[in-house]
Amino acid sequence: MTAPAAAGHSGLGPEVDRLTEPVAVFVRTVREARAHLSALIDRALAGEVVILGRAGQPVARLVACRQPGAMRGQIHIAPDFDELPGDLAEALGAGPAP
């Protein structure tokens, strides 16, 4: 595993820098990921992003899942969310525009 890098400057090329900022750790092989999976999960749970590679090329990110309800109170759905605008409803054949 490589050491943490500065945000946007992983030293692994722009394709990795685009994936996430900052790149916390880059695991170059599947074998390395298997050998350190428990530690990598712990790092993801701590908020770090782990980039998994195959043959030295980045292919996936390991990140912690959000806990159910973690966004409660932070998302607002408009009261008219389910209503189609009249012109769109007419275009889709869902009835005439009001």
N, C-alpha and C. Protein backbone atom coordinates (compact mmCIF):
# COMPACT_ATOMS: atom_id res chain seq x y z
N MET A 1 0.85 -1.18 0.00
CA MET A 1 0.00 0.00 0.00
C MET A 1 0.88 1.22 0.00
N THR A 2 0.43 2.24 -0.68
CA THR A 2 1.21 3.47 -0.72
C THR A 2 0.77 4.41 0.38
N ALA A 3 1.62 5.35 0.70
CA ALA A 3 1.31 6.33 1.74
C ALA A 3 0.28 7.33 1.25
N PRO A 4 -0.42 7.98 2.18
CA PRO A 4 -1.38 9.01 1.78
C PRO A 4 -0.69 10.10 0.98
N ALA A 5 -1.46 10.68 0.04
CA ALA A 5 -0.92 11.73 -0.82
C ALA A 5 -1.71 13.00 -0.62
N ALA A 6 -1.13 14.09 -1.09
CA ALA A 6 -1.83 15.38 -1.03
C ALA A 6 -3.03 15.34 -1.96
N ALA A 7 -4.03 16.11 -1.64
CA ALA A 7 -5.26 16.15 -2.44
C ALA A 7 -4.94 16.48 -3.89
N GLY A 8 -5.41 15.62 -4.80
CA GLY A 8 -5.25 15.87 -6.21
C GLY A 8 -3.86 15.62 -6.77
N HIS A 9 -2.93 15.16 -5.93
CA HIS A 9 -1.56 14.93 -6.38
C HIS A 9 -1.08 13.58 -5.87
N SER A 10 -1.65 12.52 -6.39
CA SER A 10 -1.34 11.19 -5.90
C SER A 10 0.00 10.67 -6.41
N GLY A 11 0.48 11.26 -7.50
CA GLY A 11 1.69 10.73 -8.11
C GLY A 11 1.40 9.50 -8.95
N LEU A 12 0.12 9.12 -9.05
CA LEU A 12 -0.28 7.93 -9.80
C LEU A 12 -0.91 8.29 -11.14
N GLY A 13 -0.95 9.56 -11.45
CA GLY A 13 -1.50 10.00 -12.73
C GLY A 13 -2.85 10.65 -12.57
N PRO A 14 -3.27 11.38 -13.60
CA PRO A 14 -4.53 12.13 -13.52
C PRO A 14 -5.75 11.25 -13.41
N GLU A 15 -5.69 10.01 -13.92
CA GLU A 15 -6.86 9.14 -13.82
C GLU A 15 -7.19 8.80 -12.37
N VAL A 16 -6.20 8.68 -11.52
CA VAL A 16 -6.44 8.43 -10.11
C VAL A 16 -6.83 9.73 -9.41
N ASP A 17 -6.17 10.82 -9.75
CA ASP A 17 -6.48 12.10 -9.13
C ASP A 17 -7.94 12.48 -9.38
N ARG A 18 -8.50 12.10 -10.53
CA ARG A 18 -9.89 12.39 -10.84
C ARG A 18 -10.85 11.58 -10.00
N LEU A 19 -10.46 10.40 -9.56
CA LEU A 19 -11.38 9.50 -8.86
C LEU A 19 -11.82 10.06 -7.52
N THR A 20 -10.91 10.62 -6.79
CA THR A 20 -11.26 11.09 -5.46
C THR A 20 -10.19 12.05 -4.96
N GLU A 21 -10.58 12.94 -4.10
CA GLU A 21 -9.62 13.83 -3.47
C GLU A 21 -9.86 13.81 -1.99
N PRO A 22 -8.91 13.61 -1.16
CA PRO A 22 -7.59 13.11 -1.48
C PRO A 22 -7.58 11.60 -1.65
N VAL A 23 -6.57 11.10 -2.33
CA VAL A 23 -6.38 9.65 -2.43
C VAL A 23 -5.69 9.25 -1.14
N ALA A 24 -6.39 8.45 -0.35
CA ALA A 24 -5.84 8.09 0.95
C ALA A 24 -4.84 6.95 0.83
N VAL A 25 -5.21 5.92 0.09
CA VAL A 25 -4.32 4.78 -0.06
C VAL A 25 -4.64 4.12 -1.39
N PHE A 26 -3.60 3.68 -2.09
CA PHE A 26 -3.77 3.00 -3.36
C PHE A 26 -3.23 1.59 -3.22
N VAL A 27 -4.09 0.61 -3.42
CA VAL A 27 -3.70 -0.80 -3.35
C VAL A 27 -3.50 -1.27 -4.78
N ARG A 28 -2.29 -1.63 -5.14
CA ARG A 28 -1.94 -1.91 -6.53
C ARG A 28 -2.42 -3.24 -7.07
N THR A 29 -2.63 -4.23 -6.21
CA THR A 29 -3.02 -5.56 -6.71
C THR A 29 -4.15 -6.15 -5.88
N VAL A 30 -4.88 -7.07 -6.48
CA VAL A 30 -5.95 -7.77 -5.77
C VAL A 30 -5.36 -8.60 -4.64
N ARG A 31 -4.22 -9.18 -4.86
CA ARG A 31 -3.57 -9.98 -3.82
C ARG A 31 -3.28 -9.13 -2.58
N GLU A 32 -2.78 -7.92 -2.81
CA GLU A 32 -2.49 -7.00 -1.71
C GLU A 32 -3.79 -6.62 -0.98
N ALA A 33 -4.85 -6.38 -1.74
CA ALA A 33 -6.14 -6.03 -1.13
C ALA A 33 -6.66 -7.17 -0.27
N ARG A 34 -6.56 -8.39 -0.76
CA ARG A 34 -7.01 -9.56 0.02
C ARG A 34 -6.22 -9.69 1.31
N ALA A 35 -4.93 -9.48 1.22
CA ALA A 35 -4.06 -9.64 2.39
C ALA A 35 -4.34 -8.59 3.46
N HIS A 36 -4.83 -7.42 3.05
CA HIS A 36 -5.03 -6.32 3.99
C HIS A 36 -6.49 -5.87 4.07
N LEU A 37 -7.43 -6.74 3.67
CA LEU A 37 -8.82 -6.32 3.55
C LEU A 37 -9.39 -5.76 4.85
N SER A 38 -9.15 -6.40 5.96
CA SER A 38 -9.70 -5.92 7.23
C SER A 38 -9.18 -4.52 7.55
N ALA A 39 -7.91 -4.29 7.36
CA ALA A 39 -7.32 -2.97 7.61
C ALA A 39 -7.87 -1.94 6.62
N LEU A 40 -8.07 -2.34 5.37
CA LEU A 40 -8.61 -1.42 4.37
C LEU A 40 -10.04 -1.03 4.71
N ILE A 41 -10.83 -1.98 5.19
CA ILE A 41 -12.20 -1.68 5.62
C ILE A 41 -12.17 -0.71 6.79
N ASP A 42 -11.29 -0.93 7.75
CA ASP A 42 -11.17 -0.02 8.89
C ASP A 42 -10.84 1.39 8.42
N ARG A 43 -9.95 1.51 7.44
CA ARG A 43 -9.59 2.83 6.92
C ARG A 43 -10.77 3.49 6.23
N ALA A 44 -11.55 2.69 5.47
CA ALA A 44 -12.74 3.23 4.80
C ALA A 44 -13.75 3.70 5.84
N LEU A 45 -13.94 2.92 6.90
CA LEU A 45 -14.87 3.31 7.97
C LEU A 45 -14.41 4.58 8.67
N ALA A 46 -13.12 4.83 8.66
CA ALA A 46 -12.57 6.04 9.29
C ALA A 46 -12.68 7.25 8.36
N GLY A 47 -13.23 7.04 7.16
CA GLY A 47 -13.44 8.16 6.25
C GLY A 47 -12.44 8.26 5.12
N GLU A 48 -11.45 7.39 5.10
CA GLU A 48 -10.48 7.41 4.01
C GLU A 48 -11.07 6.72 2.78
N VAL A 49 -10.58 7.11 1.63
CA VAL A 49 -10.97 6.45 0.39
C VAL A 49 -9.82 5.54 -0.01
N VAL A 50 -10.15 4.30 -0.32
CA VAL A 50 -9.15 3.32 -0.71
C VAL A 50 -9.36 3.02 -2.19
N ILE A 51 -8.34 3.22 -3.00
CA ILE A 51 -8.39 2.92 -4.42
C ILE A 51 -7.80 1.52 -4.61
N LEU A 52 -8.59 0.65 -5.22
CA LEU A 52 -8.13 -0.71 -5.49
C LEU A 52 -7.66 -0.79 -6.93
N GLY A 53 -6.58 -1.51 -7.14
CA GLY A 53 -6.03 -1.62 -8.48
C GLY A 53 -5.93 -3.07 -8.92
N ARG A 54 -5.75 -3.20 -10.19
CA ARG A 54 -5.48 -4.50 -10.80
C ARG A 54 -4.30 -4.27 -11.73
N ALA A 55 -3.24 -5.00 -11.51
CA ALA A 55 -2.01 -4.85 -12.30
C ALA A 55 -1.51 -3.42 -12.26
N GLY A 56 -1.66 -2.76 -11.10
CA GLY A 56 -1.15 -1.41 -10.92
C GLY A 56 -2.02 -0.30 -11.47
N GLN A 57 -3.17 -0.63 -12.06
CA GLN A 57 -4.08 0.37 -12.61
C GLN A 57 -5.30 0.51 -11.71
N PRO A 58 -5.74 1.73 -11.40
CA PRO A 58 -6.92 1.91 -10.54
C PRO A 58 -8.18 1.39 -11.21
N VAL A 59 -8.98 0.61 -10.47
CA VAL A 59 -10.21 0.04 -11.05
C VAL A 59 -11.43 0.23 -10.16
N ALA A 60 -11.26 0.50 -8.86
CA ALA A 60 -12.42 0.61 -7.97
C ALA A 60 -12.06 1.41 -6.73
N ARG A 61 -13.11 1.90 -6.04
CA ARG A 61 -12.93 2.61 -4.78
C ARG A 61 -13.63 1.83 -3.68
N LEU A 62 -13.01 1.77 -2.53
CA LEU A 62 -13.62 1.18 -1.34
C LEU A 62 -13.94 2.33 -0.41
N VAL A 63 -15.23 2.56 -0.18
CA VAL A 63 -15.67 3.65 0.70
C VAL A 63 -16.69 3.11 1.68
N ALA A 64 -16.83 3.77 2.80
CA ALA A 64 -17.80 3.35 3.81
C ALA A 64 -19.21 3.65 3.32
N CYS A 65 -20.15 2.79 3.66
CA CYS A 65 -21.56 3.02 3.34
C CYS A 65 -22.13 4.01 4.33
N ARG A 66 -23.05 4.80 3.85
CA ARG A 66 -23.75 5.71 4.78
C ARG A 66 -24.71 4.90 5.63
N GLN A 67 -24.84 5.31 6.83
CA GLN A 67 -25.77 4.66 7.75
C GLN A 67 -27.19 5.11 7.43
N PRO A 68 -28.18 4.22 7.53
CA PRO A 68 -29.57 4.62 7.30
C PRO A 68 -29.94 5.80 8.21
N GLY A 69 -30.55 6.80 7.61
CA GLY A 69 -30.97 7.96 8.38
C GLY A 69 -29.91 9.02 8.54
N ALA A 70 -28.71 8.79 8.00
CA ALA A 70 -27.62 9.75 8.18
C ALA A 70 -27.93 11.10 7.53
N MET A 71 -28.77 11.12 6.51
CA MET A 71 -29.10 12.37 5.81
C MET A 71 -30.44 12.95 6.27
N ARG A 72 -31.04 12.36 7.31
CA ARG A 72 -32.32 12.83 7.80
C ARG A 72 -32.26 14.32 8.14
N GLY A 73 -33.26 15.07 7.63
CA GLY A 73 -33.32 16.49 7.89
C GLY A 73 -32.46 17.33 6.95
N GLN A 74 -31.68 16.69 6.08
CA GLN A 74 -30.81 17.42 5.18
C GLN A 74 -31.32 17.41 3.73
N ILE A 75 -32.36 16.62 3.47
CA ILE A 75 -32.91 16.52 2.13
C ILE A 75 -34.35 16.99 2.16
N HIS A 76 -34.71 17.85 1.22
CA HIS A 76 -36.07 18.38 1.13
C HIS A 76 -36.66 18.00 -0.22
N ILE A 77 -37.85 17.43 -0.21
CA ILE A 77 -38.56 17.11 -1.44
C ILE A 77 -39.72 18.08 -1.57
N ALA A 78 -39.78 18.76 -2.70
CA ALA A 78 -40.81 19.76 -2.93
C ALA A 78 -42.20 19.11 -2.91
N PRO A 79 -43.20 19.84 -2.44
CA PRO A 79 -44.56 19.29 -2.38
C PRO A 79 -45.09 18.86 -3.75
N ASP A 80 -44.65 19.50 -4.83
CA ASP A 80 -45.14 19.16 -6.16
C ASP A 80 -44.19 18.20 -6.90
N PHE A 81 -43.39 17.46 -6.16
CA PHE A 81 -42.40 16.57 -6.74
C PHE A 81 -43.00 15.59 -7.75
N ASP A 82 -44.16 15.03 -7.45
CA ASP A 82 -44.77 14.00 -8.30
C ASP A 82 -45.59 14.57 -9.45
N GLU A 83 -45.72 15.87 -9.53
CA GLU A 83 -46.54 16.48 -10.59
C GLU A 83 -45.68 16.80 -11.80
N LEU A 84 -46.17 16.36 -12.98
CA LEU A 84 -45.48 16.70 -14.22
C LEU A 84 -45.88 18.09 -14.65
N PRO A 85 -44.95 18.87 -15.17
CA PRO A 85 -45.33 20.16 -15.77
C PRO A 85 -46.29 19.88 -16.92
N GLY A 86 -47.24 20.79 -17.15
CA GLY A 86 -48.28 20.58 -18.15
C GLY A 86 -47.77 20.23 -19.52
N ASP A 87 -46.74 20.95 -20.02
CA ASP A 87 -46.23 20.67 -21.36
C ASP A 87 -45.59 19.29 -21.45
N LEU A 88 -44.93 18.85 -20.39
CA LEU A 88 -44.32 17.52 -20.38
C LEU A 88 -45.39 16.44 -20.31
N ALA A 89 -46.41 16.66 -19.50
CA ALA A 89 -47.51 15.70 -19.40
C ALA A 89 -48.19 15.53 -20.76
N GLU A 90 -48.40 16.64 -21.44
CA GLU A 90 -49.04 16.57 -22.76
C GLU A 90 -48.13 15.84 -23.74
N ALA A 91 -46.84 16.12 -23.72
CA ALA A 91 -45.89 15.47 -24.62
C ALA A 91 -45.82 13.97 -24.39
N LEU A 92 -46.03 13.55 -23.16
CA LEU A 92 -45.98 12.13 -22.82
C LEU A 92 -47.34 11.44 -22.95
N GLY A 93 -48.35 12.22 -23.32
CA GLY A 93 -49.68 11.64 -23.48
C GLY A 93 -50.38 11.39 -22.16
N ALA A 94 -49.98 12.09 -21.13
CA ALA A 94 -50.58 11.89 -19.82
C ALA A 94 -51.76 12.83 -19.58
N GLY A 95 -52.21 13.52 -20.61
CA GLY A 95 -53.34 14.43 -20.47
C GLY A 95 -53.01 15.81 -20.99
N PRO A 96 -54.01 16.61 -21.19
CA PRO A 96 -53.78 17.96 -21.71
C PRO A 96 -53.11 18.85 -20.67
N ALA A 97 -52.41 19.84 -21.17
CA ALA A 97 -51.78 20.81 -20.27
C ALA A 97 -52.86 21.63 -19.59
N PRO A 98 -52.71 21.92 -18.31
CA PRO A 98 -53.73 22.71 -17.60
C PRO A 98 -53.78 24.13 -18.08
